[in-house]
PDB file of N, CA and C in Angstrom:
ATOM      1  N   MET A   1      47.463 -23.463  -4.235  1.00  0.00           N
ATOM      2  CA  MET A   1      46.666 -22.526  -3.780  1.00  0.00           C
ATOM      3  C   MET A   1      45.310 -22.643  -5.181  1.00  0.00           C
ATOM      4  N   ALA A   2      43.826 -22.364  -4.872  1.00  0.00           N
ATOM      5  CA  ALA A   2      42.931 -22.391  -5.998  1.00  0.00           C
ATOM      6  C   ALA A   2      42.955 -21.241  -6.235  1.00  0.00           C
ATOM      7  N   TYR A   3      42.341 -20.157  -6.868  1.00  0.00           N
ATOM      8  CA  TYR A   3      42.015 -18.251  -7.135  1.00  0.00           C
ATOM      9  C   TYR A   3      40.622 -18.500  -6.425  1.00  0.00           C
ATOM     10  N   SER A   4      40.168 -18.163  -5.326  1.00  0.00           N
ATOM     11  CA  SER A   4      39.170 -18.224  -5.028  1.00  0.00           C
ATOM     12  C   SER A   4      38.376 -17.053  -5.285  1.00  0.00           C
ATOM     13  N   GLU A   5      36.854 -16.738  -5.679  1.00  0.00           N
ATOM     14  CA  GLU A   5      37.011 -15.795  -5.583  1.00  0.00           C
ATOM     15  C   GLU A   5      36.535 -14.575  -4.950  1.00  0.00           C
ATOM     16  N   LYS A   6      35.915 -13.403  -4.496  1.00  0.00           N
ATOM     17  CA  LYS A   6      35.851 -12.578  -3.656  1.00  0.00           C
ATOM     18  C   LYS A   6      34.726 -11.588  -3.360  1.00  0.00           C
ATOM     19  N   SER A   7      34.344 -11.240  -2.154  1.00  0.00           N
ATOM     20  CA  SER A   7      34.196  -9.672  -2.694  1.00  0.00           C
ATOM     21  C   SER A   7      34.740  -8.546  -3.261  1.00  0.00           C
ATOM     22  N   GLY A   8      33.853  -7.755  -4.079  1.00  0.00           N
ATOM     23  CA  GLY A   8      34.526  -6.224  -4.145  1.00  0.00           C
ATOM     24  C   GLY A   8      35.528  -7.381  -5.416  1.00  0.00           C
ATOM     25  N   GLU A   9      35.743  -8.071  -5.988  1.00  0.00           N
ATOM     26  CA  GLU A   9      36.706  -8.725  -6.567  1.00  0.00           C
ATOM     27  C   GLU A   9      36.618  -9.507  -8.075  1.00  0.00           C
ATOM     28  N   GLY A  10      37.223  -9.215  -9.079  1.00  0.00           N
ATOM     29  CA  GLY A  10      37.077 -10.357 -10.073  1.00  0.00           C
ATOM     30  C   GLY A  10      38.031 -10.275 -11.034  1.00  0.00           C
ATOM     31  N   GLY A  11      37.300 -10.221 -12.247  1.00  0.00           N
ATOM     32  CA  GLY A  11      39.065 -11.073 -13.588  1.00  0.00           C
ATOM     33  C   GLY A  11      38.260 -10.318 -14.836  1.00  0.00           C
ATOM     34  N   LEU A  12      39.056 -10.380 -15.953  1.00  0.00           N
ATOM     35  CA  LEU A  12      38.232  -9.302 -16.981  1.00  0.00           C
ATOM     36  C   LEU A  12      39.203 -10.720 -17.747  1.00  0.00           C
ATOM     37  N   TRP A  13      38.969 -12.051 -18.816  1.00  0.00           N
ATOM     38  CA  TRP A  13      40.134 -12.197 -20.188  1.00  0.00           C
ATOM     39  C   TRP A  13      39.825 -12.339 -21.257  1.00  0.00           C
ATOM     40  N   LYS A  14      41.052 -12.225 -22.225  1.00  0.00           N
ATOM     41  CA  LYS A  14      40.680 -11.581 -23.833  1.00  0.00           C
ATOM     42  C   LYS A  14      39.931 -13.101 -24.141  1.00  0.00           C
ATOM     43  N   ASN A  15      39.027 -11.971 -24.913  1.00  0.00           N
ATOM     44  CA  ASN A  15      37.950 -12.731 -25.584  1.00  0.00           C
ATOM     45  C   ASN A  15      39.469 -13.672 -27.350  1.00  0.00           C
ATOM     46  N   GLN A  16      38.970 -15.188 -26.394  1.00  0.00           N
ATOM     47  CA  GLN A  16      39.693 -15.837 -27.655  1.00  0.00           C
ATOM     48  C   GLN A  16      37.967 -16.495 -29.017  1.00  0.00           C
ATOM     49  N   LYS A  17      37.592 -16.040 -28.947  1.00  0.00           N
ATOM     50  CA  LYS A  17      36.327 -16.044 -30.122  1.00  0.00           C
ATOM     51  C   LYS A  17      36.524 -14.543 -30.707  1.00  0.00           C
ATOM     52  N   LYS A  18      36.767 -13.996 -30.803  1.00  0.00           N
ATOM     53  CA  LYS A  18      37.013 -12.762 -31.285  1.00  0.00           C
ATOM     54  C   LYS A  18      37.571 -12.992 -32.318  1.00  0.00           C
ATOM     55  N   SER A  19      36.526 -12.256 -33.640  1.00  0.00           N
ATOM     56  CA  SER A  19      38.061 -11.751 -35.098  1.00  0.00           C
ATOM     57  C   SER A  19      38.172 -10.423 -35.495  1.00  0.00           C
ATOM     58  N   GLU A  20      39.108 -10.787 -36.375  1.00  0.00           N
ATOM     59  CA  GLU A  20      39.289  -8.252 -35.996  1.00  0.00           C
ATOM     60  C   GLU A  20      38.256  -8.346 -37.305  1.00  0.00           C
ATOM     61  N   GLY A  21      37.778  -7.472 -36.637  1.00  0.00           N
ATOM     62  CA  GLY A  21      36.772  -6.247 -37.386  1.00  0.00           C
ATOM     63  C   GLY A  21      34.980  -7.199 -36.859  1.00  0.00           C
ATOM     64  N   ASP A  22      34.663  -8.359 -36.517  1.00  0.00           N
ATOM     65  CA  ASP A  22      33.751  -7.791 -35.824  1.00  0.00           C
ATOM     66  C   ASP A  22      33.283  -7.336 -34.682  1.00  0.00           C
ATOM     67  N   ASN A  23      31.882  -7.325 -34.204  1.00  0.00           N
ATOM     68  CA  ASN A  23      31.977  -6.409 -32.700  1.00  0.00           C
ATOM     69  C   ASN A  23      31.527  -7.731 -31.490  1.00  0.00           C
ATOM     70  N   LYS A  24      32.424  -8.076 -31.211  1.00  0.00           N
ATOM     71  CA  LYS A  24      32.863  -9.040 -29.708  1.00  0.00           C
ATOM     72  C   LYS A  24      33.394  -7.555 -29.094  1.00  0.00           C
ATOM     73  N   PRO A  25      32.719  -7.941 -27.429  1.00  0.00           N
ATOM     74  CA  PRO A  25      33.906  -7.723 -27.051  1.00  0.00           C
ATOM     75  C   PRO A  25      35.238  -7.601 -26.436  1.00  0.00           C
ATOM     76  N   ASP A  26      36.706  -7.221 -26.722  1.00  0.00           N
ATOM     77  CA  ASP A  26      37.627  -7.684 -26.769  1.00  0.00           C
ATOM     78  C   ASP A  26      38.128  -8.580 -25.232  1.00  0.00           C
ATOM     79  N   ALA A  27      37.429  -8.262 -24.020  1.00  0.00           N
ATOM     80  CA  ALA A  27      37.418  -9.048 -23.155  1.00  0.00           C
ATOM     81  C   ALA A  27      35.590  -9.381 -22.340  1.00  0.00           C
ATOM     82  N   THR A  28      36.166 -10.857 -22.073  1.00  0.00           N
ATOM     83  CA  THR A  28      34.875 -10.549 -21.055  1.00  0.00           C
ATOM     84  C   THR A  28      34.902 -11.382 -19.822  1.00  0.00           C
ATOM     85  N   GLY A  29      34.753 -11.461 -18.919  1.00  0.00           N
ATOM     86  CA  GLY A  29      34.274 -11.005 -17.609  1.00  0.00           C
ATOM     87  C   GLY A  29      34.314 -11.511 -15.856  1.00  0.00           C
ATOM     88  N   PHE A  30      34.097 -11.123 -14.851  1.00  0.00           N
ATOM     89  CA  PHE A  30      32.806 -10.674 -14.129  1.00  0.00           C
ATOM     90  C   PHE A  30      33.127 -10.065 -13.425  1.00  0.00           C
ATOM     91  N   VAL A  31      32.611  -9.585 -11.904  1.00  0.00           N
ATOM     92  CA  VAL A  31      32.795  -8.761 -10.416  1.00  0.00           C
ATOM     93  C   VAL A  31      31.759  -9.284 -10.365  1.00  0.00           C
ATOM     94  N   ILE A  32      32.259  -9.558  -8.887  1.00  0.00           N
ATOM     95  CA  ILE A  32      31.433  -9.551  -7.936  1.00  0.00           C
ATOM     96  C   ILE A  32      31.320  -8.837  -6.513  1.00  0.00           C
ATOM     97  N   ALA A  33      29.862  -8.097  -6.695  1.00  0.00           N
ATOM     98  CA  ALA A  33      29.475  -6.700  -6.442  1.00  0.00           C
ATOM     99  C   ALA A  33      29.756  -6.842  -4.709  1.00  0.00           C
ATOM    100  N   HIS A  34      30.376  -6.219  -3.391  1.00  0.00           N
ATOM    101  CA  HIS A  34      30.592  -6.108  -2.554  1.00  0.00           C
ATOM    102  C   HIS A  34      29.524  -5.527  -1.884  1.00  0.00           C
ATOM    103  N   ARG A  35      28.349  -5.240  -2.353  1.00  0.00           N
ATOM    104  CA  ARG A  35      27.362  -4.729  -1.803  1.00  0.00           C
ATOM    105  C   ARG A  35      26.193  -4.565  -2.891  1.00  0.00           C
ATOM    106  N   ASP A  36      25.275  -4.033  -2.508  1.00  0.00           N
ATOM    107  CA  ASP A  36      23.963  -4.208  -3.714  1.00  0.00           C
ATOM    108  C   ASP A  36      24.146  -2.525  -4.428  1.00  0.00           C
ATOM    109  N   ILE A  37      24.242  -2.198  -5.923  1.00  0.00           N
ATOM    110  CA  ILE A  37      24.332  -1.643  -6.371  1.00  0.00           C
ATOM    111  C   ILE A  37      23.350  -0.518  -7.074  1.00  0.00           C
ATOM    112  N   SER A  38      22.317   0.559  -6.807  1.00  0.00           N
ATOM    113  CA  SER A  38      22.559   1.349  -7.420  1.00  0.00           C
ATOM    114  C   SER A  38      22.099   1.922  -9.360  1.00  0.00           C
ATOM    115  N   ALA A  39      21.429   2.116  -9.492  1.00  0.00           N
ATOM    116  CA  ALA A  39      21.412   2.431 -11.035  1.00  0.00           C
ATOM    117  C   ALA A  39      21.838   3.748 -11.109  1.00  0.00           C
ATOM    118  N   GLY A  40      23.167   4.110 -11.931  1.00  0.00           N
ATOM    119  CA  GLY A  40      23.639   5.268 -11.868  1.00  0.00           C
ATOM    120  C   GLY A  40      24.977   5.508 -11.105  1.00  0.00           C
ATOM    121  N   GLU A  41      24.591   4.100 -10.287  1.00  0.00           N
ATOM    122  CA  GLU A  41      26.137   4.840  -8.589  1.00  0.00           C
ATOM    123  C   GLU A  41      27.353   4.361  -9.304  1.00  0.00           C
ATOM    124  N   LYS A  42      27.782   5.573  -9.135  1.00  0.00           N
ATOM    125  CA  LYS A  42      29.643   5.494  -9.544  1.00  0.00           C
ATOM    126  C   LYS A  42      30.626   4.771  -8.910  1.00  0.00           C
ATOM    127  N   LEU A  43      31.401   3.401  -9.471  1.00  0.00           N
ATOM    128  CA  LEU A  43      32.279   2.855  -8.512  1.00  0.00           C
ATOM    129  C   LEU A  43      33.082   2.611  -8.674  1.00  0.00           C
ATOM    130  N   GLU A  44      34.601   2.713  -8.213  1.00  0.00           N
ATOM    131  CA  GLU A  44      35.588   2.765  -8.769  1.00  0.00           C
ATOM    132  C   GLU A  44      36.361   1.508  -9.131  1.00  0.00           C
ATOM    133  N   ILE A  45      37.384   0.661 -10.098  1.00  0.00           N
ATOM    134  CA  ILE A  45      37.829  -0.704 -10.326  1.00  0.00           C
ATOM    135  C   ILE A  45      39.131   0.049 -10.159  1.00  0.00           C
ATOM    136  N   ALA A  46      39.914  -0.782  -9.901  1.00  0.00           N
ATOM    137  CA  ALA A  46      41.375  -0.962 -10.402  1.00  0.00           C
ATOM    138  C   ALA A  46      41.731  -1.795 -11.045  1.00  0.00           C
ATOM    139  N   ALA A  47      42.542  -2.620 -12.218  1.00  0.00           N
ATOM    140  CA  ALA A  47      42.863  -3.689 -12.721  1.00  0.00           C
ATOM    141  C   ALA A  47      44.613  -3.630 -12.835  1.00  0.00           C
ATOM    142  N   TRP A  48      45.669  -4.817 -12.954  1.00  0.00           N
ATOM    143  CA  TRP A  48      46.072  -5.306 -11.989  1.00  0.00           C
ATOM    144  C   TRP A  48      46.711  -6.609 -13.853  1.00  0.00           C
ATOM    145  N   THR A  49      47.860  -7.007 -13.937  1.00  0.00           N
ATOM    146  CA  THR A  49      47.632  -7.692 -14.814  1.00  0.00           C
ATOM    147  C   THR A  49      48.422  -8.733 -14.050  1.00  0.00           C
ATOM    148  N   ARG A  50      47.627 -10.419 -15.169  1.00  0.00           N
ATOM    149  CA  ARG A  50      47.899 -11.564 -14.017  1.00  0.00           C
ATOM    150  C   ARG A  50      48.033 -12.532 -14.886  1.00  0.00           C
ATOM    151  N   VAL A  51      48.867 -13.794 -14.234  1.00  0.00           N
ATOM    152  CA  VAL A  51      48.949 -14.918 -14.913  1.00  0.00           C
ATOM    153  C   VAL A  51      48.010 -15.764 -14.068  1.00  0.00           C
ATOM    154  N   ALA A  52      47.431 -16.272 -15.108  1.00  0.00           N
ATOM    155  CA  ALA A  52      47.032 -17.436 -14.131  1.00  0.00           C
ATOM    156  C   ALA A  52      47.518 -19.548 -14.058  1.00  0.00           C
ATOM    157  N   LYS A  53      47.475 -18.909 -12.399  1.00  0.00           N
ATOM    158  CA  LYS A  53      48.963 -20.924 -12.169  1.00  0.00           C
ATOM    159  C   LYS A  53      48.872 -22.384 -12.980  1.00  0.00           C
ATOM    160  N   GLU A  54      46.920 -22.427 -12.848  1.00  0.00           N
ATOM    161  CA  GLU A  54      46.492 -23.617 -14.391  1.00  0.00           C
ATOM    162  C   GLU A  54      46.580 -23.768 -15.343  1.00  0.00           C
ATOM    163  N   SER A  55      46.762 -22.176 -16.257  1.00  0.00           N
ATOM    164  CA  SER A  55      46.451 -22.648 -17.206  1.00  0.00           C
ATOM    165  C   SER A  55      47.219 -21.568 -18.623  1.00  0.00           C
ATOM    166  N   GLY A  56      48.636 -20.217 -17.876  1.00  0.00           N
ATOM    167  CA  GLY A  56      49.163 -19.384 -18.447  1.00  0.00           C
ATOM    168  C   GLY A  56      48.663 -18.622 -18.667  1.00  0.00           C
ATOM    169  N   ALA A  57      47.270 -18.150 -19.066  1.00  0.00           N
ATOM    170  CA  ALA A  57      46.693 -17.791 -18.987  1.00  0.00           C
ATOM    171  C   ALA A  57      46.768 -15.923 -18.825  1.00  0.00           C
ATOM    172  N   ARG A  58      46.970 -15.162 -19.573  1.00  0.00           N
ATOM    173  CA  ARG A  58      47.227 -13.451 -18.661  1.00  0.00           C
ATOM    174  C   ARG A  58      45.362 -12.882 -18.999  1.00  0.00           C
ATOM    175  N   TYR A  59      45.265 -12.583 -17.650  1.00  0.00           N
ATOM    176  CA  TYR A  59      43.958 -11.787 -17.066  1.00  0.00           C
ATOM    177  C   TYR A  59      44.673 -10.430 -16.657  1.00  0.00           C
ATOM    178  N   GLN A  60      43.732 -10.188 -16.369  1.00  0.00           N
ATOM    179  CA  GLN A  60      43.376  -9.077 -15.906  1.00  0.00           C
ATOM    180  C   GLN A  60      42.700  -9.156 -14.554  1.00  0.00           C
ATOM    181  N   PHE A  61      43.021  -9.010 -13.330  1.00  0.00           N
ATOM    182  CA  PHE A  61      42.317  -9.015 -12.845  1.00  0.00           C
ATOM    183  C   PHE A  61      41.584  -7.981 -11.949  1.00  0.00           C
ATOM    184  N   LEU A  62      40.573  -7.802 -11.392  1.00  0.00           N
ATOM    185  CA  LEU A  62      40.193  -6.444 -11.033  1.00  0.00           C
ATOM    186  C   LEU A  62      39.420  -6.411  -9.396  1.00  0.00           C
ATOM    187  N   LYS A  63      39.776  -4.808  -9.800  1.00  0.00           N
ATOM    188  CA  LYS A  63      39.121  -4.724  -7.070  1.00  0.00           C
ATOM    189  C   LYS A  63      37.906  -3.398  -7.999  1.00  0.00           C
ATOM    190  N   MET A  64      37.266  -3.325  -6.861  1.00  0.00           N
ATOM    191  CA  MET A  64      36.248  -2.458  -6.757  1.00  0.00           C
ATOM    192  C   MET A  64      35.889  -2.371  -5.710  1.00  0.00           C
ATOM    193  N   ALA A  65      35.429  -0.802  -4.985  1.00  0.00           N
ATOM    194  CA  ALA A  65      35.492  -0.433  -4.373  1.00  0.00           C
ATOM    195  C   ALA A  65      34.883   1.049  -4.944  1.00  0.00           C
ATOM    196  N   ASP A  66      33.699   1.306  -3.484  1.00  0.00           N
ATOM    197  CA  ASP A  66      33.148   2.832  -3.728  1.00  0.00           C
ATOM    198  C   ASP A  66      33.690   3.791  -3.784  1.00  0.00           C
ATOM    199  N   ALA A  67      32.759   4.671  -4.797  1.00  0.00           N
ATOM    200  CA  ALA A  67      33.566   5.836  -5.411  1.00  0.00           C
ATOM    201  C   ALA A  67      34.447   6.408  -3.572  1.00  0.00           C
ATOM    202  N   TYR A  68      35.393   7.276  -4.217  1.00  0.00           N
ATOM    203  CA  TYR A  68      36.183   8.220  -2.714  1.00  0.00           C
ATOM    204  C   TYR A  68      35.366   9.094  -3.165  1.00  0.00           C
ATOM    205  N   THR A  69      35.150   9.523  -1.308  1.00  0.00           N
ATOM    206  CA  THR A  69      34.585  10.770  -1.058  1.00  0.00           C
ATOM    207  C   THR A  69      35.350  11.589  -0.390  1.00  0.00           C
ATOM    208  N   PRO A  70      35.694  12.820  -0.210  1.00  0.00           N
ATOM    209  CA  PRO A  70      36.691  13.678   1.017  1.00  0.00           C
ATOM    210  C   PRO A  70      34.966  13.928   2.221  1.00  0.00           C
ATOM    211  N   LYS A  71      36.137  13.215   3.149  1.00  0.00           N
ATOM    212  CA  LYS A  71      35.398  13.665   4.343  1.00  0.00           C
ATOM    213  C   LYS A  71      35.300  14.948   5.300  1.00  0.00           C
ATOM    214  N   GLU A  72      34.572  15.303   5.892  1.00  0.00           N
ATOM    215  CA  GLU A  72      34.512  16.645   6.243  1.00  0.00           C
ATOM    216  C   GLU A  72      35.366  16.428   7.351  1.00  0.00           C
ATOM    217  N   SER A  73      36.265  16.176   8.123  1.00  0.00           N
ATOM    218  CA  SER A  73      37.327  16.194   8.883  1.00  0.00           C
ATOM    219  C   SER A  73      38.400  16.033   7.481  1.00  0.00           C
ATOM    220  N   ASP A  74      39.187  15.878   6.296  1.00  0.00           N
ATOM    221  CA  ASP A  74      40.195  15.633   5.028  1.00  0.00           C
ATOM    222  C   ASP A  74      39.929  17.291   4.752  1.00  0.00           C
ATOM    223  N   LYS A  75      38.195  18.033   5.146  1.00  0.00           N
ATOM    224  CA  LYS A  75      38.707  19.007   4.189  1.00  0.00           C
ATOM    225  C   LYS A  75      38.784  20.360   4.857  1.00  0.00           C
ATOM    226  N   ASP A  76      38.658  20.008   5.863  1.00  0.00           N
ATOM    227  CA  ASP A  76      38.821  20.795   6.972  1.00  0.00           C
ATOM    228  C   ASP A  76      40.444  21.187   7.329  1.00  0.00           C
ATOM    229  N   GLU A  77      41.783  19.947   7.061  1.00  0.00           N
ATOM    230  CA  GLU A  77      42.637  20.507   6.540  1.00  0.00           C
ATOM    231  C   GLU A  77      43.228  20.215   5.775  1.00  0.00           C
ATOM    232  N   LEU A  78      42.439  21.012   4.124  1.00  0.00           N
ATOM    233  CA  LEU A  78      43.175  21.181   3.298  1.00  0.00           C
ATOM    234  C   LEU A  78      43.081  22.935   3.814  1.00  0.00           C
ATOM    235  N   ASP A  79      41.703  23.098   4.897  1.00  0.00           N
ATOM    236  CA  ASP A  79      41.638  24.829   4.533  1.00  0.00           C
ATOM    237  C   ASP A  79      42.451  25.443   5.020  1.00  0.00           C
ATOM    238  N   ASP A  80      43.695  24.771   6.111  1.00  0.00           N
ATOM    239  CA  ASP A  80      44.268  25.696   6.111  1.00  0.00           C
ATOM    240  C   ASP A  80      44.954  26.872   5.908  1.00  0.00           C
ATOM    241  N   ASP A  81      44.994  28.200   6.569  1.00  0.00           N
ATOM    242  CA  ASP A  81      46.014  29.722   5.975  1.00  0.00           C
ATOM    243  C   ASP A  81      47.259  28.911   5.766  1.00  0.00           C
ATOM    244  N   ILE A  82      47.932  29.399   4.907  1.00  0.00           N
ATOM    245  CA  ILE A  82      48.979  28.350   4.310  1.00  0.00           C
ATOM    246  C   ILE A  82      49.317  30.261   3.927  1.00  0.00           C
ATOM    247  N   PRO A  83      51.070  30.702   4.314  1.00  0.00           N
ATOM    248  CA  PRO A  83      51.647  32.169   4.278  1.00  0.00           C
ATOM    249  C   PRO A  83      52.070  32.120   3.264  1.00  0.00           C
ATOM    250  N   PHE A  84      52.035  31.653   2.039  1.00  0.00           N
ATOM    251  CA  PHE A  84      52.452  31.854   0.881  1.00  0.00           C
ATOM    252  C   PHE A  84      52.010  31.980  -0.617  1.00  0.00           C
TER     253      PHE A  84
END
């Protein structure tokens, strides 16, 4: 089964054209936004090292999500009186 690009995911590959001492990025890649993104908005990104089946090249698989913000119900549970 071939890799298919999905919303909220992407990849980051080692830059094969980088020479020692130059200013090129160490890795390049992409991410497909899962929704419209506003300037200055914070998103969470997680990465896993994977190996491409076809080429055997190692790359970083990326997954993006909205930044975590506690819900009101989560805050209420943390406000319990603890007797110690």
